[in-house]
Amino acid sequence: MKGSPLIPFALIALIGILLMAGLSAYGLFERNAAEEGENGAEEEVTEIEDPIAAGEEMAQASCINCHGGDLAGAAGPAINNLDGQYTVEQISEIIQVGIGSMPPQTQYDPAEADAIAEYLLSISE
């Protein structure tokens, strides 16, 4: 006579429960470590000596993909004549948060977004 057929199923269930408990504990540990890292880390502040030159470099690296080489529009709208339409703060917020189909440009910190905004307004004059 063989052993009970329930034993293999009970072992599989027990292994599954132990795996779930272990992975849950690991996930909680990782989340707590990440939260501590976020709270303990100081935010880096970018020092930009010439914001217009830095903004031009960043705009040429990122904005031309959608707004065209001369920023006169392509897949995205023209952004080469924004003077009077937006302030530096508004453009910076659009860069950081996004607008319409434009996604947020998370690679730029607030100082860098301000530099791009200053550049865009400088070419609008």
PDB file of N, CA and C in Angstrom:
ATOM      1  N   MET A   1       0.835  -1.175   0.000  1.00  0.00           N
ATOM      2  CA  MET A   1       0.000   0.000   0.000  1.00  0.00           C
ATOM      3  C   MET A   1       0.880   1.238   0.000  1.00  0.00           C
ATOM      4  N   LYS A   2       0.581   2.181  -0.872  1.00  0.00           N
ATOM      5  CA  LYS A   2       1.342   3.406  -0.980  1.00  0.00           C
ATOM      6  C   LYS A   2       0.858   4.425   0.040  1.00  0.00           C
ATOM      7  N   GLY A   3       1.696   5.494   0.212  1.00  0.00           N
ATOM      8  CA  GLY A   3       1.336   6.568   1.138  1.00  0.00           C
ATOM      9  C   GLY A   3       0.138   7.359   0.638  1.00  0.00           C
ATOM     10  N   SER A   4      -0.309   8.230   1.472  1.00  0.00           N
ATOM     11  CA  SER A   4      -1.474   9.045   1.161  1.00  0.00           C
ATOM     12  C   SER A   4      -1.185   9.969  -0.031  1.00  0.00           C
ATOM     13  N   PRO A   5      -2.112  10.084  -0.996  1.00  0.00           N
ATOM     14  CA  PRO A   5      -1.894  10.967  -2.146  1.00  0.00           C
ATOM     15  C   PRO A   5      -1.954  12.454  -1.773  1.00  0.00           C
ATOM     16  N   LEU A   6      -2.384  12.777  -0.580  1.00  0.00           N
ATOM     17  CA  LEU A   6      -2.464  14.178  -0.155  1.00  0.00           C
ATOM     18  C   LEU A   6      -1.113  14.737   0.273  1.00  0.00           C
ATOM     19  N   ILE A   7      -0.161  13.890   0.600  1.00  0.00           N
ATOM     20  CA  ILE A   7       1.138  14.361   1.096  1.00  0.00           C
ATOM     21  C   ILE A   7       1.869  15.214   0.050  1.00  0.00           C
ATOM     22  N   PRO A   8       1.994  14.807  -1.216  1.00  0.00           N
ATOM     23  CA  PRO A   8       2.671  15.679  -2.193  1.00  0.00           C
ATOM     24  C   PRO A   8       1.975  17.040  -2.349  1.00  0.00           C
ATOM     25  N   PHE A   9       0.647  17.043  -2.359  1.00  0.00           N
ATOM     26  CA  PHE A   9      -0.084  18.300  -2.488  1.00  0.00           C
ATOM     27  C   PHE A   9       0.131  19.182  -1.258  1.00  0.00           C
ATOM     28  N   ALA A  10       0.168  18.578  -0.086  1.00  0.00           N
ATOM     29  CA  ALA A  10       0.387  19.340   1.143  1.00  0.00           C
ATOM     30  C   ALA A  10       1.794  19.930   1.147  1.00  0.00           C
ATOM     31  N   LEU A  11       2.787  19.181   0.673  1.00  0.00           N
ATOM     32  CA  LEU A  11       4.155  19.704   0.605  1.00  0.00           C
ATOM     33  C   LEU A  11       4.265  20.863  -0.380  1.00  0.00           C
ATOM     34  N   ILE A  12       3.629  20.741  -1.525  1.00  0.00           N
ATOM     35  CA  ILE A  12       3.653  21.816  -2.516  1.00  0.00           C
ATOM     36  C   ILE A  12       2.981  23.072  -1.946  1.00  0.00           C
ATOM     37  N   ALA A  13       1.854  22.899  -1.267  1.00  0.00           N
ATOM     38  CA  ALA A  13       1.154  24.038  -0.656  1.00  0.00           C
ATOM     39  C   ALA A  13       2.027  24.683   0.414  1.00  0.00           C
ATOM     40  N   LEU A  14       2.695  23.885   1.239  1.00  0.00           N
ATOM     41  CA  LEU A  14       3.553  24.407   2.291  1.00  0.00           C
ATOM     42  C   LEU A  14       4.737  25.177   1.697  1.00  0.00           C
ATOM     43  N   ILE A  15       5.337  24.644   0.649  1.00  0.00           N
ATOM     44  CA  ILE A  15       6.453  25.334  -0.020  1.00  0.00           C
ATOM     45  C   ILE A  15       5.962  26.662  -0.612  1.00  0.00           C
ATOM     46  N   GLY A  16       4.785  26.663  -1.213  1.00  0.00           N
ATOM     47  CA  GLY A  16       4.218  27.889  -1.776  1.00  0.00           C
ATOM     48  C   GLY A  16       3.976  28.947  -0.719  1.00  0.00           C
ATOM     49  N   ILE A  17       3.435  28.540   0.424  1.00  0.00           N
ATOM     50  CA  ILE A  17       3.176  29.485   1.520  1.00  0.00           C
ATOM     51  C   ILE A  17       4.483  30.051   2.049  1.00  0.00           C
ATOM     52  N   LEU A  18       5.502  29.206   2.223  1.00  0.00           N
ATOM     53  CA  LEU A  18       6.797  29.678   2.703  1.00  0.00           C
ATOM     54  C   LEU A  18       7.444  30.639   1.709  1.00  0.00           C
ATOM     55  N   LEU A  19       7.339  30.333   0.421  1.00  0.00           N
ATOM     56  CA  LEU A  19       7.881  31.239  -0.604  1.00  0.00           C
ATOM     57  C   LEU A  19       7.166  32.584  -0.584  1.00  0.00           C
ATOM     58  N   MET A  20       5.850  32.577  -0.468  1.00  0.00           N
ATOM     59  CA  MET A  20       5.100  33.838  -0.422  1.00  0.00           C
ATOM     60  C   MET A  20       5.508  34.662   0.792  1.00  0.00           C
ATOM     61  N   ALA A  21       5.642  34.034   1.942  1.00  0.00           N
ATOM     62  CA  ALA A  21       6.034  34.753   3.158  1.00  0.00           C
ATOM     63  C   ALA A  21       7.448  35.308   3.019  1.00  0.00           C
ATOM     64  N   GLY A  22       8.349  34.517   2.474  1.00  0.00           N
ATOM     65  CA  GLY A  22       9.730  34.972   2.306  1.00  0.00           C
ATOM     66  C   GLY A  22       9.846  36.123   1.325  1.00  0.00           C
ATOM     67  N   LEU A  23       9.182  36.025   0.189  1.00  0.00           N
ATOM     68  CA  LEU A  23       9.227  37.096  -0.805  1.00  0.00           C
ATOM     69  C   LEU A  23       8.546  38.363  -0.297  1.00  0.00           C
ATOM     70  N   SER A  24       7.486  38.225   0.466  1.00  0.00           N
ATOM     71  CA  SER A  24       6.822  39.388   1.048  1.00  0.00           C
ATOM     72  C   SER A  24       7.739  40.095   2.032  1.00  0.00           C
ATOM     73  N   ALA A  25       8.425  39.336   2.877  1.00  0.00           N
ATOM     74  CA  ALA A  25       9.349  39.931   3.834  1.00  0.00           C
ATOM     75  C   ALA A  25      10.492  40.634   3.107  1.00  0.00           C
ATOM     76  N   TYR A  26      10.999  40.019   2.054  1.00  0.00           N
ATOM     77  CA  TYR A  26      12.070  40.636   1.265  1.00  0.00           C
ATOM     78  C   TYR A  26      11.585  41.935   0.622  1.00  0.00           C
ATOM     79  N   GLY A  27      10.389  41.930   0.073  1.00  0.00           N
ATOM     80  CA  GLY A  27       9.825  43.133  -0.541  1.00  0.00           C
ATOM     81  C   GLY A  27       9.654  44.259   0.463  1.00  0.00           C
ATOM     82  N   LEU A  28       9.171  43.936   1.651  1.00  0.00           N
ATOM     83  CA  LEU A  28       9.028  44.953   2.695  1.00  0.00           C
ATOM     84  C   LEU A  28      10.386  45.520   3.096  1.00  0.00           C
ATOM     85  N   PHE A  29      11.371  44.652   3.202  1.00  0.00           N
ATOM     86  CA  PHE A  29      12.727  45.102   3.541  1.00  0.00           C
ATOM     87  C   PHE A  29      13.259  46.055   2.473  1.00  0.00           C
ATOM     88  N   GLU A  30      13.097  45.692   1.203  1.00  0.00           N
ATOM     89  CA  GLU A  30      13.569  46.535   0.104  1.00  0.00           C
ATOM     90  C   GLU A  30      12.829  47.870   0.071  1.00  0.00           C
ATOM     91  N   ARG A  31      11.522  47.855   0.305  1.00  0.00           N
ATOM     92  CA  ARG A  31      10.757  49.100   0.305  1.00  0.00           C
ATOM     93  C   ARG A  31      11.216  50.015   1.431  1.00  0.00           C
ATOM     94  N   ASN A  32      11.406  49.452   2.617  1.00  0.00           N
ATOM     95  CA  ASN A  32      11.875  50.262   3.738  1.00  0.00           C
ATOM     96  C   ASN A  32      13.259  50.824   3.469  1.00  0.00           C
ATOM     97  N   ALA A  33      14.128  50.049   2.872  1.00  0.00           N
ATOM     98  CA  ALA A  33      15.472  50.529   2.549  1.00  0.00           C
ATOM     99  C   ALA A  33      15.406  51.652   1.525  1.00  0.00           C
ATOM    100  N   ALA A  34      14.520  51.523   0.545  1.00  0.00           N
ATOM    101  CA  ALA A  34      14.381  52.566  -0.473  1.00  0.00           C
ATOM    102  C   ALA A  34      13.821  53.842   0.136  1.00  0.00           C
ATOM    103  N   GLU A  35      12.844  53.718   1.027  1.00  0.00           N
ATOM    104  CA  GLU A  35      12.276  54.905   1.672  1.00  0.00           C
ATOM    105  C   GLU A  35      13.312  55.596   2.536  1.00  0.00           C
ATOM    106  N   GLU A  36      14.118  54.844   3.255  1.00  0.00           N
ATOM    107  CA  GLU A  36      15.168  55.441   4.069  1.00  0.00           C
ATOM    108  C   GLU A  36      16.190  56.142   3.189  1.00  0.00           C
ATOM    109  N   GLY A  37      16.511  55.557   2.044  1.00  0.00           N
ATOM    110  CA  GLY A  37      17.455  56.168   1.120  1.00  0.00           C
ATOM    111  C   GLY A  37      16.923  57.472   0.557  1.00  0.00           C
ATOM    112  N   GLU A  38      15.617  57.520   0.253  1.00  0.00           N
ATOM    113  CA  GLU A  38      15.023  58.745  -0.274  1.00  0.00           C
ATOM    114  C   GLU A  38      14.996  59.832   0.785  1.00  0.00           C
ATOM    115  N   ASN A  39      14.669  59.469   2.009  1.00  0.00           N
ATOM    116  CA  ASN A  39      14.595  60.462   3.077  1.00  0.00           C
ATOM    117  C   ASN A  39      15.964  60.947   3.501  1.00  0.00           C
ATOM    118  N   GLY A  40      16.952  60.092   3.449  1.00  0.00           N
ATOM    119  CA  GLY A  40      18.277  60.455   3.919  1.00  0.00           C
ATOM    120  C   GLY A  40      19.128  61.140   2.870  1.00  0.00           C
ATOM    121  N   ALA A  41      18.771  61.004   1.614  1.00  0.00           N
ATOM    122  CA  ALA A  41      19.585  61.570   0.539  1.00  0.00           C
ATOM    123  C   ALA A  41      19.285  63.051   0.378  1.00  0.00           C
ATOM    124  N   GLU A  42      20.337  63.810   0.193  1.00  0.00           N
ATOM    125  CA  GLU A  42      20.165  65.230  -0.069  1.00  0.00           C
ATOM    126  C   GLU A  42      19.975  65.423  -1.565  1.00  0.00           C
ATOM    127  N   GLU A  43      19.102  66.351  -1.911  1.00  0.00           N
ATOM    128  CA  GLU A  43      18.857  66.622  -3.315  1.00  0.00           C
ATOM    129  C   GLU A  43      20.033  67.390  -3.885  1.00  0.00           C
ATOM    130  N   GLU A  44      20.507  66.925  -5.035  1.00  0.00           N
ATOM    131  CA  GLU A  44      21.620  67.604  -5.677  1.00  0.00           C
ATOM    132  C   GLU A  44      21.131  68.905  -6.295  1.00  0.00           C
ATOM    133  N   VAL A  45      21.913  69.954  -6.113  1.00  0.00           N
ATOM    134  CA  VAL A  45      21.592  71.242  -6.701  1.00  0.00           C
ATOM    135  C   VAL A  45      22.598  71.495  -7.806  1.00  0.00           C
ATOM    136  N   THR A  46      22.091  71.697  -8.999  1.00  0.00           N
ATOM    137  CA  THR A  46      22.958  71.938 -10.140  1.00  0.00           C
ATOM    138  C   THR A  46      23.344  73.404 -10.184  1.00  0.00           C
ATOM    139  N   GLU A  47      24.643  73.659 -10.263  1.00  0.00           N
ATOM    140  CA  GLU A  47      25.142  75.020 -10.415  1.00  0.00           C
ATOM    141  C   GLU A  47      25.364  75.273 -11.900  1.00  0.00           C
ATOM    142  N   ILE A  48      24.699  76.279 -12.432  1.00  0.00           N
ATOM    143  CA  ILE A  48      24.828  76.603 -13.848  1.00  0.00           C
ATOM    144  C   ILE A  48      25.345  78.034 -13.956  1.00  0.00           C
ATOM    145  N   GLU A  49      26.556  78.163 -14.512  1.00  0.00           N
ATOM    146  CA  GLU A  49      27.164  79.482 -14.628  1.00  0.00           C
ATOM    147  C   GLU A  49      26.493  80.314 -15.714  1.00  0.00           C
ATOM    148  N   ASP A  50      26.305  79.751 -16.887  1.00  0.00           N
ATOM    149  CA  ASP A  50      25.677  80.461 -18.002  1.00  0.00           C
ATOM    150  C   ASP A  50      24.423  79.689 -18.407  1.00  0.00           C
ATOM    151  N   PRO A  51      23.257  80.064 -17.835  1.00  0.00           N
ATOM    152  CA  PRO A  51      22.055  79.272 -18.085  1.00  0.00           C
ATOM    153  C   PRO A  51      21.621  79.244 -19.548  1.00  0.00           C
ATOM    154  N   ILE A  52      21.849  80.318 -20.281  1.00  0.00           N
ATOM    155  CA  ILE A  52      21.409  80.336 -21.679  1.00  0.00           C
ATOM    156  C   ILE A  52      22.243  79.372 -22.517  1.00  0.00           C
ATOM    157  N   ALA A  53      23.562  79.368 -22.310  1.00  0.00           N
ATOM    158  CA  ALA A  53      24.421  78.436 -23.051  1.00  0.00           C
ATOM    159  C   ALA A  53      24.116  76.995 -22.657  1.00  0.00           C
ATOM    160  N   ALA A  54      23.943  76.766 -21.363  1.00  0.00           N
ATOM    161  CA  ALA A  54      23.615  75.412 -20.903  1.00  0.00           C
ATOM    162  C   ALA A  54      22.251  74.990 -21.426  1.00  0.00           C
ATOM    163  N   GLY A  55      21.295  75.917 -21.409  1.00  0.00           N
ATOM    164  CA  GLY A  55      19.952  75.625 -21.910  1.00  0.00           C
ATOM    165  C   GLY A  55      19.959  75.292 -23.388  1.00  0.00           C
ATOM    166  N   GLU A  56      20.792  76.024 -24.155  1.00  0.00           N
ATOM    167  CA  GLU A  56      20.895  75.740 -25.583  1.00  0.00           C
ATOM    168  C   GLU A  56      21.431  74.327 -25.814  1.00  0.00           C
ATOM    169  N   GLU A  57      22.442  73.961 -25.055  1.00  0.00           N
ATOM    170  CA  GLU A  57      23.038  72.626 -25.204  1.00  0.00           C
ATOM    171  C   GLU A  57      22.019  71.537 -24.883  1.00  0.00           C
ATOM    172  N   MET A  58      21.269  71.733 -23.797  1.00  0.00           N
ATOM    173  CA  MET A  58      20.267  70.735 -23.415  1.00  0.00           C
ATOM    174  C   MET A  58      19.122  70.696 -24.418  1.00  0.00           C
ATOM    175  N   ALA A  59      18.710  71.851 -24.920  1.00  0.00           N
ATOM    176  CA  ALA A  59      17.626  71.901 -25.909  1.00  0.00           C
ATOM    177  C   ALA A  59      18.051  71.199 -27.190  1.00  0.00           C
ATOM    178  N   GLN A  60      19.291  71.410 -27.608  1.00  0.00           N
ATOM    179  CA  GLN A  60      19.783  70.749 -28.815  1.00  0.00           C
ATOM    180  C   GLN A  60      19.878  69.237 -28.607  1.00  0.00           C
ATOM    181  N   ALA A  61      20.104  68.817 -27.376  1.00  0.00           N
ATOM    182  CA  ALA A  61      20.202  67.386 -27.088  1.00  0.00           C
ATOM    183  C   ALA A  61      18.838  66.716 -27.008  1.00  0.00           C
ATOM    184  N   SER A  62      17.808  67.449 -26.565  1.00  0.00           N
ATOM    185  CA  SER A  62      16.519  66.806 -26.309  1.00  0.00           C
ATOM    186  C   SER A  62      15.367  67.345 -27.140  1.00  0.00           C
ATOM    187  N   CYS A  63      15.233  68.642 -27.210  1.00  0.00           N
ATOM    188  CA  CYS A  63      14.024  69.250 -27.773  1.00  0.00           C
ATOM    189  C   CYS A  63      13.910  69.080 -29.287  1.00  0.00           C
ATOM    190  N   ILE A  64      15.059  69.041 -29.972  1.00  0.00           N
ATOM    191  CA  ILE A  64      15.005  68.983 -31.435  1.00  0.00           C
ATOM    192  C   ILE A  64      14.391  67.688 -31.953  1.00  0.00           C
ATOM    193  N   ASN A  65      14.380  66.660 -31.131  1.00  0.00           N
ATOM    194  CA  ASN A  65      13.794  65.392 -31.568  1.00  0.00           C
ATOM    195  C   ASN A  65      12.331  65.558 -31.960  1.00  0.00           C
ATOM    196  N   CYS A  66      11.596  66.378 -31.210  1.00  0.00           N
ATOM    197  CA  CYS A  66      10.168  66.562 -31.494  1.00  0.00           C
ATOM    198  C   CYS A  66       9.850  67.942 -32.063  1.00  0.00           C
ATOM    199  N   HIS A  67      10.619  68.943 -31.664  1.00  0.00           N
ATOM    200  CA  HIS A  67      10.297  70.318 -32.051  1.00  0.00           C
ATOM    201  C   HIS A  67      11.096  70.802 -33.261  1.00  0.00           C
ATOM    202  N   GLY A  68      11.932  69.953 -33.832  1.00  0.00           N
ATOM    203  CA  GLY A  68      12.688  70.294 -35.030  1.00  0.00           C
ATOM    204  C   GLY A  68      14.030  70.929 -34.716  1.00  0.00           C
ATOM    205  N   GLY A  69      14.935  70.853 -35.681  1.00  0.00           N
ATOM    206  CA  GLY A  69      16.297  71.359 -35.503  1.00  0.00           C
ATOM    207  C   GLY A  69      16.366  72.826 -35.171  1.00  0.00           C
ATOM    208  N   ASP A  70      15.453  73.631 -35.742  1.00  0.00           N
ATOM    209  CA  ASP A  70      15.437  75.055 -35.448  1.00  0.00           C
ATOM    210  C   ASP A  70      14.334  75.403 -34.451  1.00  0.00           C
ATOM    211  N   LEU A  71      13.732  74.386 -33.850  1.00  0.00           N
ATOM    212  CA  LEU A  71      12.668  74.494 -32.857  1.00  0.00           C
ATOM    213  C   LEU A  71      11.416  75.172 -33.411  1.00  0.00           C
ATOM    214  N   ALA A  72      11.294  75.194 -34.742  1.00  0.00           N
ATOM    215  CA  ALA A  72      10.142  75.825 -35.381  1.00  0.00           C
ATOM    216  C   ALA A  72       8.964  74.859 -35.533  1.00  0.00           C
ATOM    217  N   GLY A  73       9.109  73.666 -34.995  1.00  0.00           N
ATOM    218  CA  GLY A  73       8.017  72.706 -35.024  1.00  0.00           C
ATOM    219  C   GLY A  73       8.320  71.530 -35.924  1.00  0.00           C
ATOM    220  N   ALA A  74       7.885  70.386 -35.510  1.00  0.00           N
ATOM    221  CA  ALA A  74       7.975  69.139 -36.278  1.00  0.00           C
ATOM    222  C   ALA A  74       6.841  68.273 -35.746  1.00  0.00           C
ATOM    223  N   ALA A  75       7.169  67.203 -35.037  1.00  0.00           N
ATOM    224  CA  ALA A  75       6.132  66.389 -34.408  1.00  0.00           C
ATOM    225  C   ALA A  75       5.470  67.168 -33.279  1.00  0.00           C
ATOM    226  N   GLY A  76       6.263  68.038 -32.631  1.00  0.00           N
ATOM    227  CA  GLY A  76       5.751  68.907 -31.578  1.00  0.00           C
ATOM    228  C   GLY A  76       5.611  70.327 -32.111  1.00  0.00           C
ATOM    229  N   PRO A  77       4.959  71.205 -31.357  1.00  0.00           N
ATOM    230  CA  PRO A  77       4.747  72.569 -31.823  1.00  0.00           C
ATOM    231  C   PRO A  77       6.036  73.397 -31.832  1.00  0.00           C
ATOM    232  N   ALA A  78       5.978  74.537 -32.487  1.00  0.00           N
ATOM    233  CA  ALA A  78       7.106  75.467 -32.512  1.00  0.00           C
ATOM    234  C   ALA A  78       7.330  76.017 -31.107  1.00  0.00           C
ATOM    235  N   ILE A  79       8.593  76.045 -30.699  1.00  0.00           N
ATOM    236  CA  ILE A  79       8.932  76.607 -29.394  1.00  0.00           C
ATOM    237  C   ILE A  79      10.036  77.649 -29.523  1.00  0.00           C
ATOM    238  N   ASN A  80      10.202  78.180 -30.726  1.00  0.00           N
ATOM    239  CA  ASN A  80      11.259  79.155 -30.947  1.00  0.00           C
ATOM    240  C   ASN A  80      10.773  80.592 -30.826  1.00  0.00           C
ATOM    241  N   ASN A  81       9.509  80.798 -30.472  1.00  0.00           N
ATOM    242  CA  ASN A  81       8.993  82.145 -30.304  1.00  0.00           C
ATOM    243  C   ASN A  81       7.953  82.152 -29.184  1.00  0.00           C
ATOM    244  N   LEU A  82       8.417  81.922 -27.961  1.00  0.00           N
ATOM    245  CA  LEU A  82       7.523  81.817 -26.816  1.00  0.00           C
ATOM    246  C   LEU A  82       7.422  83.111 -26.015  1.00  0.00           C
ATOM    247  N   ASP A  83       8.159  84.131 -26.409  1.00  0.00           N
ATOM    248  CA  ASP A  83       8.188  85.372 -25.652  1.00  0.00           C
ATOM    249  C   ASP A  83       6.783  85.957 -25.525  1.00  0.00           C
ATOM    250  N   GLY A  84       6.407  86.287 -24.320  1.00  0.00           N
ATOM    251  CA  GLY A  84       5.096  86.859 -24.059  1.00  0.00           C
ATOM    252  C   GLY A  84       4.022  85.816 -23.817  1.00  0.00           C
ATOM    253  N   GLN A  85       4.249  84.592 -24.227  1.00  0.00           N
ATOM    254  CA  GLN A  85       3.260  83.539 -24.023  1.00  0.00           C
ATOM    255  C   GLN A  85       3.444  82.844 -22.682  1.00  0.00           C
ATOM    256  N   TYR A  86       4.708  82.672 -22.285  1.00  0.00           N
ATOM    257  CA  TYR A  86       5.026  81.933 -21.066  1.00  0.00           C
ATOM    258  C   TYR A  86       6.142  82.639 -20.306  1.00  0.00           C
ATOM    259  N   THR A  87       6.187  82.387 -19.004  1.00  0.00           N
ATOM    260  CA  THR A  87       7.301  82.852 -18.177  1.00  0.00           C
ATOM    261  C   THR A  87       8.317  81.721 -18.061  1.00  0.00           C
ATOM    262  N   VAL A  88       9.483  82.042 -17.516  1.00  0.00           N
ATOM    263  CA  VAL A  88      10.498  81.014 -17.270  1.00  0.00           C
ATOM    264  C   VAL A  88       9.915  79.916 -16.390  1.00  0.00           C
ATOM    265  N   GLU A  89       9.177  80.308 -15.361  1.00  0.00           N
ATOM    266  CA  GLU A  89       8.609  79.329 -14.430  1.00  0.00           C
ATOM    267  C   GLU A  89       7.609  78.415 -15.123  1.00  0.00           C
ATOM    268  N   GLN A  90       6.778  78.970 -15.999  1.00  0.00           N
ATOM    269  CA  GLN A  90       5.784  78.157 -16.704  1.00  0.00           C
ATOM    270  C   GLN A  90       6.449  77.173 -17.662  1.00  0.00           C
ATOM    271  N   ILE A  91       7.449  77.641 -18.398  1.00  0.00           N
ATOM    272  CA  ILE A  91       8.153  76.746 -19.326  1.00  0.00           C
ATOM    273  C   ILE A  91       8.879  75.660 -18.551  1.00  0.00           C
ATOM    274  N   SER A  92       9.511  76.041 -17.457  1.00  0.00           N
ATOM    275  CA  SER A  92      10.222  75.070 -16.624  1.00  0.00           C
ATOM    276  C   SER A  92       9.268  73.998 -16.105  1.00  0.00           C
ATOM    277  N   GLU A  93       8.077  74.412 -15.693  1.00  0.00           N
ATOM    278  CA  GLU A  93       7.091  73.445 -15.201  1.00  0.00           C
ATOM    279  C   GLU A  93       6.641  72.513 -16.325  1.00  0.00           C
ATOM    280  N   ILE A  94       6.441  73.062 -17.521  1.00  0.00           N
ATOM    281  CA  ILE A  94       6.054  72.227 -18.660  1.00  0.00           C
ATOM    282  C   ILE A  94       7.138  71.193 -18.936  1.00  0.00           C
ATOM    283  N   ILE A  95       8.396  71.595 -18.872  1.00  0.00           N
ATOM    284  CA  ILE A  95       9.511  70.680 -19.103  1.00  0.00           C
ATOM    285  C   ILE A  95       9.495  69.563 -18.069  1.00  0.00           C
ATOM    286  N   GLN A  96       9.276  69.922 -16.811  1.00  0.00           N
ATOM    287  CA  GLN A  96       9.355  68.941 -15.726  1.00  0.00           C
ATOM    288  C   GLN A  96       8.116  68.062 -15.607  1.00  0.00           C
ATOM    289  N   VAL A  97       6.932  68.621 -15.914  1.00  0.00           N
ATOM    290  CA  VAL A  97       5.680  67.893 -15.709  1.00  0.00           C
ATOM    291  C   VAL A  97       5.114  67.341 -17.014  1.00  0.00           C
ATOM    292  N   GLY A  98       5.429  68.022 -18.129  1.00  0.00           N
ATOM    293  CA  GLY A  98       4.862  67.631 -19.413  1.00  0.00           C
ATOM    294  C   GLY A  98       3.569  68.379 -19.671  1.00  0.00           C
ATOM    295  N   ILE A  99       3.118  68.326 -20.903  1.00  0.00           N
ATOM    296  CA  ILE A  99       1.857  68.963 -21.278  1.00  0.00           C
ATOM    297  C   ILE A  99       1.351  68.274 -22.542  1.00  0.00           C
ATOM    298  N   GLY A 100       0.055  68.034 -22.606  1.00  0.00           N
ATOM    299  CA  GLY A 100      -0.507  67.360 -23.773  1.00  0.00           C
ATOM    300  C   GLY A 100       0.186  66.033 -24.028  1.00  0.00           C
ATOM    301  N   SER A 101       0.702  65.859 -25.237  1.00  0.00           N
ATOM    302  CA  SER A 101       1.380  64.603 -25.567  1.00  0.00           C
ATOM    303  C   SER A 101       2.860  64.626 -25.201  1.00  0.00           C
ATOM    304  N   MET A 102       3.344  65.781 -24.704  1.00  0.00           N
ATOM    305  CA  MET A 102       4.755  65.862 -24.303  1.00  0.00           C
ATOM    306  C   MET A 102       4.926  65.243 -22.915  1.00  0.00           C
ATOM    307  N   PRO A 103       5.766  64.221 -22.818  1.00  0.00           N
ATOM    308  CA  PRO A 103       5.985  63.601 -21.508  1.00  0.00           C
ATOM    309  C   PRO A 103       6.909  64.465 -20.648  1.00  0.00           C
ATOM    310  N   PRO A 104       6.904  64.264 -19.338  1.00  0.00           N
ATOM    311  CA  PRO A 104       7.829  64.992 -18.475  1.00  0.00           C
ATOM    312  C   PRO A 104       9.270  64.645 -18.825  1.00  0.00           C
ATOM    313  N   GLN A 105      10.124  65.628 -18.791  1.00  0.00           N
ATOM    314  CA  GLN A 105      11.539  65.429 -19.089  1.00  0.00           C
ATOM    315  C   GLN A 105      12.276  65.236 -17.762  1.00  0.00           C
ATOM    316  N   THR A 106      12.172  64.043 -17.225  1.00  0.00           N
ATOM    317  CA  THR A 106      12.675  63.758 -15.883  1.00  0.00           C
ATOM    318  C   THR A 106      14.194  63.758 -15.791  1.00  0.00           C
ATOM    319  N   GLN A 107      14.884  63.792 -16.916  1.00  0.00           N
ATOM    320  CA  GLN A 107      16.337  63.804 -16.862  1.00  0.00           C
ATOM    321  C   GLN A 107      16.871  65.165 -16.419  1.00  0.00           C
ATOM    322  N   TYR A 108      16.004  66.172 -16.391  1.00  0.00           N
ATOM    323  CA  TYR A 108      16.438  67.519 -16.014  1.00  0.00           C
ATOM    324  C   TYR A 108      15.919  67.880 -14.629  1.00  0.00           C
ATOM    325  N   ASP A 109      16.830  68.405 -13.787  1.00  0.00           N
ATOM    326  CA  ASP A 109      16.405  68.896 -12.484  1.00  0.00           C
ATOM    327  C   ASP A 109      15.843  70.309 -12.671  1.00  0.00           C
ATOM    328  N   PRO A 110      15.258  70.913 -11.645  1.00  0.00           N
ATOM    329  CA  PRO A 110      14.638  72.229 -11.801  1.00  0.00           C
ATOM    330  C   PRO A 110      15.581  73.311 -12.335  1.00  0.00           C
ATOM    331  N   ALA A 111      16.830  73.321 -11.907  1.00  0.00           N
ATOM    332  CA  ALA A 111      17.773  74.337 -12.390  1.00  0.00           C
ATOM    333  C   ALA A 111      18.046  74.162 -13.876  1.00  0.00           C
ATOM    334  N   GLU A 112      18.145  72.923 -14.328  1.00  0.00           N
ATOM    335  CA  GLU A 112      18.373  72.661 -15.750  1.00  0.00           C
ATOM    336  C   GLU A 112      17.142  73.027 -16.576  1.00  0.00           C
ATOM    337  N   ALA A 113      15.953  72.722 -16.052  1.00  0.00           N
ATOM    338  CA  ALA A 113      14.719  73.092 -16.754  1.00  0.00           C
ATOM    339  C   ALA A 113      14.607  74.612 -16.849  1.00  0.00           C
ATOM    340  N   ASP A 114      14.997  75.317 -15.793  1.00  0.00           N
ATOM    341  CA  ASP A 114      15.006  76.781 -15.829  1.00  0.00           C
ATOM    342  C   ASP A 114      15.970  77.292 -16.899  1.00  0.00           C
ATOM    343  N   ALA A 115      17.121  76.648 -17.024  1.00  0.00           N
ATOM    344  CA  ALA A 115      18.109  77.065 -18.030  1.00  0.00           C
ATOM    345  C   ALA A 115      17.556  76.882 -19.441  1.00  0.00           C
ATOM    346  N   ILE A 116      16.877  75.771 -19.675  1.00  0.00           N
ATOM    347  CA  ILE A 116      16.263  75.551 -20.987  1.00  0.00           C
ATOM    348  C   ILE A 116      15.204  76.619 -21.241  1.00  0.00           C
ATOM    349  N   ALA A 117      14.397  76.916 -20.229  1.00  0.00           N
ATOM    350  CA  ALA A 117      13.362  77.939 -20.377  1.00  0.00           C
ATOM    351  C   ALA A 117      13.968  79.297 -20.694  1.00  0.00           C
ATOM    352  N   GLU A 118      15.062  79.650 -20.003  1.00  0.00           N
ATOM    353  CA  GLU A 118      15.716  80.917 -20.266  1.00  0.00           C
ATOM    354  C   GLU A 118      16.258  80.963 -21.688  1.00  0.00           C
ATOM    355  N   TYR A 119      16.813  79.862 -22.145  1.00  0.00           N
ATOM    356  CA  TYR A 119      17.311  79.800 -23.520  1.00  0.00           C
ATOM    357  C   TYR A 119      16.165  79.996 -24.510  1.00  0.00           C
ATOM    358  N   LEU A 120      15.058  79.286 -24.300  1.00  0.00           N
ATOM    359  CA  LEU A 120      13.932  79.392 -25.233  1.00  0.00           C
ATOM    360  C   LEU A 120      13.403  80.811 -25.287  1.00  0.00           C
ATOM    361  N   LEU A 121      13.348  81.478 -24.152  1.00  0.00           N
ATOM    362  CA  LEU A 121      12.890  82.870 -24.163  1.00  0.00           C
ATOM    363  C   LEU A 121      13.922  83.795 -24.789  1.00  0.00           C
ATOM    364  N   SER A 122      15.202  83.463 -24.663  1.00  0.00           N
ATOM    365  CA  SER A 122      16.244  84.320 -25.240  1.00  0.00           C
ATOM    366  C   SER A 122      16.232  84.290 -26.765  1.00  0.00           C
ATOM    367  N   ILE A 123      15.812  83.174 -27.355  1.00  0.00           N
ATOM    368  CA  ILE A 123      15.776  83.101 -28.822  1.00  0.00           C
ATOM    369  C   ILE A 123      14.466  83.643 -29.371  1.00  0.00           C
ATOM    370  N   SER A 124      13.538  83.993 -28.483  1.00  0.00           N
ATOM    371  CA  SER A 124      12.242  84.503 -28.919  1.00  0.00           C
ATOM    372  C   SER A 124      12.258  86.010 -29.146  1.00  0.00           C
ATOM    373  N   GLU A 125      13.284  86.664 -28.697  1.00  0.00           N
ATOM    374  CA  GLU A 125      13.304  88.134 -28.732  1.00  0.00           C
ATOM    375  C   GLU A 125      13.504  88.691 -30.093  1.00  0.00           C
TER     376      GLU A 125
END
